[in-house]
Amino acid sequence: MELVEAICYIKDTHIPDTLYENIKVVLNEKEILAVEWLALIINALNILAISSRLKVK
C-alpha cells in the first residue's frame, strides 16, 4: 500500500529509495511492476470520475 500511495503523491514525495528497497524484499520485479500499473490505472480512473463529476450509483 505504501508504494501505491507514493505513486499517487509522486509529485510531492517521489518514491523514496528506502521504500523501494523495502518493497523489493517482499515482491519481485514483475510483482512491483504489476502494483505500479494497478496504481496508475486506479489513479487515472479516479481523476476521470472526479473531473467528469460521474455519479456513483
PDB file of N, CA and C in Angstrom:
ATOM      1  N   MET A   1       0.817  -1.192   0.000  1.00  0.00           N
ATOM      2  CA  MET A   1       0.000   0.000   0.000  1.00  0.00           C
ATOM      3  C   MET A   1       0.862   1.258   0.000  1.00  0.00           C
ATOM      4  N   GLU A   2       1.996   1.199   0.645  1.00  0.00           N
ATOM      5  CA  GLU A   2       2.861   2.379   0.664  1.00  0.00           C
ATOM      6  C   GLU A   2       3.314   2.751  -0.733  1.00  0.00           C
ATOM      7  N   LEU A   3       3.591   1.748  -1.558  1.00  0.00           N
ATOM      8  CA  LEU A   3       4.013   2.018  -2.930  1.00  0.00           C
ATOM      9  C   LEU A   3       2.893   2.703  -3.702  1.00  0.00           C
ATOM     10  N   VAL A   4       1.673   2.208  -3.561  1.00  0.00           N
ATOM     11  CA  VAL A   4       0.523   2.806  -4.248  1.00  0.00           C
ATOM     12  C   VAL A   4       0.360   4.259  -3.805  1.00  0.00           C
ATOM     13  N   GLU A   5       0.457   4.509  -2.522  1.00  0.00           N
ATOM     14  CA  GLU A   5       0.324   5.868  -2.017  1.00  0.00           C
ATOM     15  C   GLU A   5       1.450   6.762  -2.539  1.00  0.00           C
ATOM     16  N   ALA A   6       2.653   6.243  -2.571  1.00  0.00           N
ATOM     17  CA  ALA A   6       3.784   7.024  -3.089  1.00  0.00           C
ATOM     18  C   ALA A   6       3.579   7.365  -4.557  1.00  0.00           C
ATOM     19  N   ILE A   7       3.001   6.450  -5.326  1.00  0.00           N
ATOM     20  CA  ILE A   7       2.726   6.711  -6.739  1.00  0.00           C
ATOM     21  C   ILE A   7       1.649   7.783  -6.868  1.00  0.00           C
ATOM     22  N   CYS A   8       0.615   7.710  -6.044  1.00  0.00           N
ATOM     23  CA  CYS A   8      -0.470   8.699  -6.098  1.00  0.00           C
ATOM     24  C   CYS A   8       0.036  10.100  -5.774  1.00  0.00           C
ATOM     25  N   TYR A   9       1.020  10.200  -4.901  1.00  0.00           N
ATOM     26  CA  TYR A   9       1.549  11.505  -4.488  1.00  0.00           C
ATOM     27  C   TYR A   9       2.973  11.713  -4.994  1.00  0.00           C
ATOM     28  N   ILE A  10       3.278  11.157  -6.155  1.00  0.00           N
ATOM     29  CA  ILE A  10       4.654  11.159  -6.656  1.00  0.00           C
ATOM     30  C   ILE A  10       5.211  12.562  -6.858  1.00  0.00           C
ATOM     31  N   LYS A  11       4.347  13.524  -7.196  1.00  0.00           N
ATOM     32  CA  LYS A  11       4.845  14.892  -7.398  1.00  0.00           C
ATOM     33  C   LYS A  11       5.351  15.501  -6.095  1.00  0.00           C
ATOM     34  N   ASP A  12       4.841  15.011  -4.972  1.00  0.00           N
ATOM     35  CA  ASP A  12       5.256  15.545  -3.670  1.00  0.00           C
ATOM     36  C   ASP A  12       6.395  14.743  -3.042  1.00  0.00           C
ATOM     37  N   THR A  13       6.318  13.436  -3.163  1.00  0.00           N
ATOM     38  CA  THR A  13       7.245  12.584  -2.417  1.00  0.00           C
ATOM     39  C   THR A  13       8.248  11.828  -3.281  1.00  0.00           C
ATOM     40  N   HIS A  14       7.996  11.766  -4.585  1.00  0.00           N
ATOM     41  CA  HIS A  14       8.733  10.846  -5.448  1.00  0.00           C
ATOM     42  C   HIS A  14       8.567   9.455  -4.834  1.00  0.00           C
ATOM     43  N   ILE A  15       9.396   8.531  -5.137  1.00  0.00           N
ATOM     44  CA  ILE A  15       9.334   7.238  -4.453  1.00  0.00           C
ATOM     45  C   ILE A  15      10.664   7.079  -3.723  1.00  0.00           C
ATOM     46  N   PRO A  16      10.623   7.192  -2.410  1.00  0.00           N
ATOM     47  CA  PRO A  16      11.875   7.122  -1.644  1.00  0.00           C
ATOM     48  C   PRO A  16      12.631   5.814  -1.908  1.00  0.00           C
ATOM     49  N   ASP A  17      13.931   5.906  -1.980  1.00  0.00           N
ATOM     50  CA  ASP A  17      14.764   4.720  -2.189  1.00  0.00           C
ATOM     51  C   ASP A  17      14.529   3.677  -1.107  1.00  0.00           C
ATOM     52  N   THR A  18      14.357   4.138   0.137  1.00  0.00           N
ATOM     53  CA  THR A  18      14.155   3.192   1.236  1.00  0.00           C
ATOM     54  C   THR A  18      12.852   2.410   1.055  1.00  0.00           C
ATOM     55  N   LEU A  19      11.811   3.073   0.583  1.00  0.00           N
ATOM     56  CA  LEU A  19      10.545   2.391   0.327  1.00  0.00           C
ATOM     57  C   LEU A  19      10.726   1.334  -0.747  1.00  0.00           C
ATOM     58  N   TYR A  20      11.388   1.702  -1.825  1.00  0.00           N
ATOM     59  CA  TYR A  20      11.604   0.759  -2.922  1.00  0.00           C
ATOM     60  C   TYR A  20      12.441  -0.438  -2.457  1.00  0.00           C
ATOM     61  N   GLU A  21      13.454  -0.185  -1.662  1.00  0.00           N
ATOM     62  CA  GLU A  21      14.293  -1.276  -1.149  1.00  0.00           C
ATOM     63  C   GLU A  21      13.483  -2.209  -0.244  1.00  0.00           C
ATOM     64  N   ASN A  22      12.609  -1.655   0.587  1.00  0.00           N
ATOM     65  CA  ASN A  22      11.760  -2.477   1.460  1.00  0.00           C
ATOM     66  C   ASN A  22      10.784  -3.325   0.649  1.00  0.00           C
ATOM     67  N   ILE A  23      10.268  -2.768  -0.414  1.00  0.00           N
ATOM     68  CA  ILE A  23       9.316  -3.499  -1.253  1.00  0.00           C
ATOM     69  C   ILE A  23      10.003  -4.652  -1.981  1.00  0.00           C
ATOM     70  N   LYS A  24      11.256  -4.419  -2.405  1.00  0.00           N
ATOM     71  CA  LYS A  24      11.993  -5.475  -3.117  1.00  0.00           C
ATOM     72  C   LYS A  24      12.241  -6.699  -2.253  1.00  0.00           C
ATOM     73  N   VAL A  25      12.158  -6.545  -0.943  1.00  0.00           N
ATOM     74  CA  VAL A  25      12.329  -7.687  -0.033  1.00  0.00           C
ATOM     75  C   VAL A  25      11.097  -8.594  -0.111  1.00  0.00           C
ATOM     76  N   VAL A  26       9.927  -8.000  -0.361  1.00  0.00           N
ATOM     77  CA  VAL A  26       8.662  -8.735  -0.339  1.00  0.00           C
ATOM     78  C   VAL A  26       8.191  -9.139  -1.734  1.00  0.00           C
ATOM     79  N   LEU A  27       8.390  -8.268  -2.714  1.00  0.00           N
ATOM     80  CA  LEU A  27       7.884  -8.503  -4.067  1.00  0.00           C
ATOM     81  C   LEU A  27       9.032  -8.617  -5.063  1.00  0.00           C
ATOM     82  N   ASN A  28       8.825  -9.425  -6.103  1.00  0.00           N
ATOM     83  CA  ASN A  28       9.824  -9.475  -7.163  1.00  0.00           C
ATOM     84  C   ASN A  28       9.541  -8.357  -8.172  1.00  0.00           C
ATOM     85  N   GLU A  29      10.384  -8.223  -9.178  1.00  0.00           N
ATOM     86  CA  GLU A  29      10.269  -7.119 -10.127  1.00  0.00           C
ATOM     87  C   GLU A  29       8.932  -7.107 -10.872  1.00  0.00           C
ATOM     88  N   LYS A  30       8.472  -8.275 -11.294  1.00  0.00           N
ATOM     89  CA  LYS A  30       7.190  -8.354 -12.013  1.00  0.00           C
ATOM     90  C   LYS A  30       6.020  -7.960 -11.112  1.00  0.00           C
ATOM     91  N   GLU A  31       6.083  -8.354  -9.858  1.00  0.00           N
ATOM     92  CA  GLU A  31       5.009  -8.006  -8.921  1.00  0.00           C
ATOM     93  C   GLU A  31       4.998  -6.501  -8.629  1.00  0.00           C
ATOM     94  N   ILE A  32       6.184  -5.924  -8.502  1.00  0.00           N
ATOM     95  CA  ILE A  32       6.277  -4.477  -8.288  1.00  0.00           C
ATOM     96  C   ILE A  32       5.691  -3.742  -9.489  1.00  0.00           C
ATOM     97  N   LEU A  33       6.034  -4.181 -10.670  1.00  0.00           N
ATOM     98  CA  LEU A  33       5.507  -3.564 -11.884  1.00  0.00           C
ATOM     99  C   LEU A  33       3.988  -3.685 -11.956  1.00  0.00           C
ATOM    100  N   ALA A  34       3.457  -4.835 -11.568  1.00  0.00           N
ATOM    101  CA  ALA A  34       2.003  -5.028 -11.562  1.00  0.00           C
ATOM    102  C   ALA A  34       1.332  -4.066 -10.580  1.00  0.00           C
ATOM    103  N   VAL A  35       1.906  -3.894  -9.402  1.00  0.00           N
ATOM    104  CA  VAL A  35       1.354  -2.958  -8.413  1.00  0.00           C
ATOM    105  C   VAL A  35       1.419  -1.536  -8.969  1.00  0.00           C
ATOM    106  N   GLU A  36       2.523  -1.186  -9.614  1.00  0.00           N
ATOM    107  CA  GLU A  36       2.656   0.155 -10.183  1.00  0.00           C
ATOM    108  C   GLU A  36       1.605   0.406 -11.259  1.00  0.00           C
ATOM    109  N   TRP A  37       1.383  -0.558 -12.138  1.00  0.00           N
ATOM    110  CA  TRP A  37       0.363  -0.409 -13.185  1.00  0.00           C
ATOM    111  C   TRP A  37      -1.033  -0.299 -12.589  1.00  0.00           C
ATOM    112  N   LEU A  38      -1.328  -1.110 -11.599  1.00  0.00           N
ATOM    113  CA  LEU A  38      -2.647  -1.022 -10.953  1.00  0.00           C
ATOM    114  C   LEU A  38      -2.849   0.345 -10.300  1.00  0.00           C
ATOM    115  N   ALA A  39      -1.821   0.857  -9.658  1.00  0.00           N
ATOM    116  CA  ALA A  39      -1.915   2.179  -9.036  1.00  0.00           C
ATOM    117  C   ALA A  39      -2.159   3.252 -10.090  1.00  0.00           C
ATOM    118  N   LEU A  40      -1.485   3.146 -11.222  1.00  0.00           N
ATOM    119  CA  LEU A  40      -1.679   4.118 -12.297  1.00  0.00           C
ATOM    120  C   LEU A  40      -3.101   4.063 -12.846  1.00  0.00           C
ATOM    121  N   ILE A  41      -3.615   2.866 -13.049  1.00  0.00           N
ATOM    122  CA  ILE A  41      -4.973   2.710 -13.586  1.00  0.00           C
ATOM    123  C   ILE A  41      -6.010   3.240 -12.600  1.00  0.00           C
ATOM    124  N   ILE A  42      -5.872   2.883 -11.336  1.00  0.00           N
ATOM    125  CA  ILE A  42      -6.809   3.352 -10.313  1.00  0.00           C
ATOM    126  C   ILE A  42      -6.766   4.880 -10.233  1.00  0.00           C
ATOM    127  N   ASN A  43      -5.573   5.438 -10.246  1.00  0.00           N
ATOM    128  CA  ASN A  43      -5.415   6.887 -10.176  1.00  0.00           C
ATOM    129  C   ASN A  43      -6.057   7.557 -11.398  1.00  0.00           C
ATOM    130  N   ALA A  44      -5.836   7.008 -12.576  1.00  0.00           N
ATOM    131  CA  ALA A  44      -6.420   7.573 -13.797  1.00  0.00           C
ATOM    132  C   ALA A  44      -7.942   7.513 -13.756  1.00  0.00           C
ATOM    133  N   LEU A  45      -8.500   6.407 -13.306  1.00  0.00           N
ATOM    134  CA  LEU A  45      -9.950   6.281 -13.213  1.00  0.00           C
ATOM    135  C   LEU A  45     -10.530   7.252 -12.188  1.00  0.00           C
ATOM    136  N   ASN A  46      -9.834   7.444 -11.076  1.00  0.00           N
ATOM    137  CA  ASN A  46     -10.279   8.414 -10.075  1.00  0.00           C
ATOM    138  C   ASN A  46     -10.275   9.830 -10.647  1.00  0.00           C
ATOM    139  N   ILE A  47      -9.227  10.178 -11.365  1.00  0.00           N
ATOM    140  CA  ILE A  47      -9.147  11.511 -11.974  1.00  0.00           C
ATOM    141  C   ILE A  47     -10.275  11.697 -12.982  1.00  0.00           C
ATOM    142  N   LEU A  48     -10.537  10.698 -13.789  1.00  0.00           N
ATOM    143  CA  LEU A  48     -11.610  10.762 -14.771  1.00  0.00           C
ATOM    144  C   LEU A  48     -12.970  10.908 -14.091  1.00  0.00           C
ATOM    145  N   ALA A  49     -13.222  10.113 -13.069  1.00  0.00           N
ATOM    146  CA  ALA A  49     -14.502  10.161 -12.369  1.00  0.00           C
ATOM    147  C   ALA A  49     -14.712  11.504 -11.678  1.00  0.00           C
ATOM    148  N   ILE A  50     -13.678  12.021 -11.058  1.00  0.00           N
ATOM    149  CA  ILE A  50     -13.793  13.301 -10.354  1.00  0.00           C
ATOM    150  C   ILE A  50     -13.968  14.447 -11.343  1.00  0.00           C
ATOM    151  N   SER A  51     -13.164  14.468 -12.384  1.00  0.00           N
ATOM    152  CA  SER A  51     -13.227  15.579 -13.325  1.00  0.00           C
ATOM    153  C   SER A  51     -14.506  15.589 -14.149  1.00  0.00           C
ATOM    154  N   SER A  52     -15.104  14.420 -14.371  1.00  0.00           N
ATOM    155  CA  SER A  52     -16.351  14.360 -15.138  1.00  0.00           C
ATOM    156  C   SER A  52     -17.587  14.433 -14.247  1.00  0.00           C
ATOM    157  N   ARG A  53     -17.356  14.525 -12.932  1.00  0.00           N
ATOM    158  CA  ARG A  53     -18.434  14.578 -11.952  1.00  0.00           C
ATOM    159  C   ARG A  53     -19.382  13.370 -12.098  1.00  0.00           C
ATOM    160  N   LEU A  54     -18.778  12.228 -12.355  1.00  0.00           N
ATOM    161  CA  LEU A  54     -19.509  10.978 -12.525  1.00  0.00           C
ATOM    162  C   LEU A  54     -20.242  10.618 -11.232  1.00  0.00           C
ATOM    163  N   LYS A  55     -21.511  10.330 -11.346  1.00  0.00           N
ATOM    164  CA  LYS A  55     -22.316   9.943 -10.182  1.00  0.00           C
ATOM    165  C   LYS A  55     -22.152   8.443  -9.929  1.00  0.00           C
ATOM    166  N   VAL A  56     -21.890   8.096  -8.706  1.00  0.00           N
ATOM    167  CA  VAL A  56     -21.747   6.696  -8.319  1.00  0.00           C
ATOM    168  C   VAL A  56     -23.121   6.197  -7.877  1.00  0.00           C
ATOM    169  N   LYS A  57     -23.540   5.072  -8.446  1.00  0.00           N
ATOM    170  CA  LYS A  57     -24.866   4.528  -8.105  1.00  0.00           C
ATOM    171  C   LYS A  57     -24.754   3.477  -7.028  1.00  0.00           C
TER     172      LYS A  57
END
